[in-house]
Protein backbone atom coordinates (compact mmCIF):
# COMPACT_ATOMS: atom_id res chain seq x y z
CA UNK A 1 -14.02 198.16 184.82
CA UNK A 2 -10.17 197.75 185.03
CA UNK A 3 -10.00 198.71 189.01
CA UNK A 4 -13.26 195.98 189.08
CA UNK A 5 -11.42 193.27 187.45
CA UNK A 6 -8.60 193.78 190.00
CA UNK A 7 -10.92 193.47 192.69
CA UNK A 8 -11.98 190.73 191.51
CA UNK A 9 -8.50 189.12 191.31
CA UNK A 10 -7.76 190.27 194.67
CA UNK A 11 -10.91 188.67 195.97
CA UNK A 12 -9.99 185.55 194.25
CA UNK A 13 -6.37 185.65 195.41
CA UNK A 14 -7.89 186.03 199.08
CA UNK A 15 -9.88 182.78 198.33
CA UNK A 16 -6.80 181.00 197.07
CA UNK A 17 -4.74 181.86 200.22
CA UNK A 18 -7.48 180.72 202.76
CA UNK A 19 -7.64 177.44 201.03
CA UNK A 20 -4.07 177.08 201.47
CA UNK A 21 -4.22 178.23 204.50
CA UNK A 22 -7.11 174.68 204.98
CA UNK A 23 -5.54 172.61 203.81
CA UNK A 24 -2.12 173.19 205.75
CA UNK A 25 -4.30 173.35 208.85
CA UNK A 26 -5.15 169.48 207.84
CA UNK A 27 -1.76 167.91 207.52
CA UNK A 28 -1.38 165.28 210.44
CA UNK A 29 0.59 165.47 212.90
CA UNK A 30 3.92 163.66 211.83
CA UNK A 31 3.61 166.54 209.12
CA UNK A 32 2.20 164.56 205.37
CA UNK A 33 -0.84 165.51 203.66
CA UNK A 34 -3.86 163.75 204.01
CA UNK A 35 -4.34 160.98 201.31
CA UNK A 36 -5.98 162.22 198.74
CA UNK A 37 -7.18 160.46 195.21
CA UNK A 38 -5.73 161.85 192.23
CA UNK A 39 -8.03 162.45 189.12
CA UNK A 40 -6.97 160.21 185.66
CA UNK A 41 -6.26 163.99 184.49
CA UNK A 42 -3.99 164.51 187.55
CA UNK A 43 -2.02 161.98 186.19
CA UNK A 44 -2.40 162.33 182.79
CA UNK A 45 -0.40 166.45 183.18
CA UNK A 46 2.12 164.75 185.28
CA UNK A 47 2.97 162.05 182.90
CA UNK A 48 2.83 164.19 179.64
CA UNK A 49 5.52 166.60 180.75
CA UNK A 50 8.65 164.68 179.76
CA UNK A 51 6.60 165.29 176.16
CA UNK A 52 7.08 169.27 175.90
CA UNK A 53 10.22 169.96 173.05
CA UNK A 54 13.24 170.51 174.15
CA UNK A 55 13.26 171.04 178.07
CA UNK A 56 10.40 168.59 178.72
CA UNK A 57 12.43 166.48 181.02
CA UNK A 58 14.49 168.53 182.32
CA UNK A 59 11.32 169.86 183.91
CA UNK A 60 9.71 166.64 184.41
CA UNK A 61 13.29 165.62 186.92
CA UNK A 62 13.25 168.84 188.80
CA UNK A 63 9.42 168.10 189.46
CA UNK A 64 10.03 164.18 190.61
CA UNK A 65 12.45 165.50 192.64
CA UNK A 66 9.90 168.05 194.45
CA UNK A 67 7.07 165.80 194.85
CA UNK A 68 9.72 162.96 195.73
CA UNK A 69 11.31 165.07 198.40
CA UNK A 70 8.33 167.90 199.20
CA UNK A 71 6.68 167.18 202.64
CA UNK A 72 3.27 168.84 201.57
CA UNK A 73 2.95 165.09 198.82
CA UNK A 74 0.62 162.60 199.86
CA UNK A 75 2.96 159.24 200.66
CA UNK A 76 1.79 157.64 197.86
CA UNK A 77 2.83 160.45 195.76
CA UNK A 78 6.19 160.25 196.50
CA UNK A 79 7.08 156.85 196.70
CA UNK A 80 5.71 157.31 192.86
CA UNK A 81 7.72 160.51 192.73
CA UNK A 82 11.02 158.15 193.69
CA UNK A 83 9.69 155.39 191.36
CA UNK A 84 9.56 157.64 188.32
CA UNK A 85 13.10 159.46 189.38
CA UNK A 86 14.39 156.10 189.34
CA UNK A 87 13.57 155.00 185.86
CA UNK A 88 13.57 158.31 184.75
CA UNK A 89 17.90 158.09 185.28
CA UNK A 90 18.14 154.46 184.21
CA UNK A 91 16.54 155.34 181.30
CA UNK A 92 19.13 158.58 180.53
CA UNK A 93 21.82 156.85 181.13
CA UNK A 94 20.96 154.06 178.65
CA UNK A 95 19.81 155.78 175.35
CA UNK A 96 23.31 158.03 176.85
CA UNK A 97 25.39 154.62 176.35
CA UNK A 98 23.05 153.53 172.83
CA UNK A 99 24.63 156.92 171.45
CA UNK A 100 27.73 156.38 172.44
CA UNK A 101 27.98 152.95 170.81
CA UNK A 102 25.91 154.19 167.55
CA UNK A 103 27.56 157.75 167.28
CA UNK A 104 30.79 157.55 168.34
CA UNK A 105 31.75 154.46 167.64
CA UNK A 106 32.73 153.55 171.59
CA UNK A 107 34.04 150.66 172.21
CA UNK A 108 31.74 149.89 175.58
CA UNK A 109 32.93 146.63 177.07
CA UNK A 110 35.87 147.54 175.84
CA UNK A 111 35.90 150.62 177.96
CA UNK A 112 34.27 149.30 180.98
CA UNK A 113 36.62 145.95 181.09
CA UNK A 114 39.50 148.48 181.04
CA UNK A 115 38.21 150.81 183.63
CA UNK A 116 37.18 147.21 186.39
CA UNK A 117 40.96 146.30 185.19
CA UNK A 118 41.79 149.62 186.79
CA UNK A 119 40.00 149.06 189.70
CA UNK A 120 40.91 145.85 190.67
């Protein structure tokens, strides 16, 4: 029984490897992956990753970096990932500023003014 399951798993792994090789063979000469449509489910799981408690946003940022700068993604996916990465970093900075103002009672405007006076 266990041997049969092992053989099935090995066969499935070989088929998956064959499929990966076929996809890699389809890559264009310039190294970009071929254009393919993404389903609604593909988009949904990408958009739901940040909702994972505790580590979701960290995982999301790592994946966005992989999608934005990886060669195996379509050009449209890379552009979306770069835009989402920039938007996510802006959101994190905005939430951080709000946290400083509300929780720590930091005078952000005075801090920025002092910082700019020292620079200029």
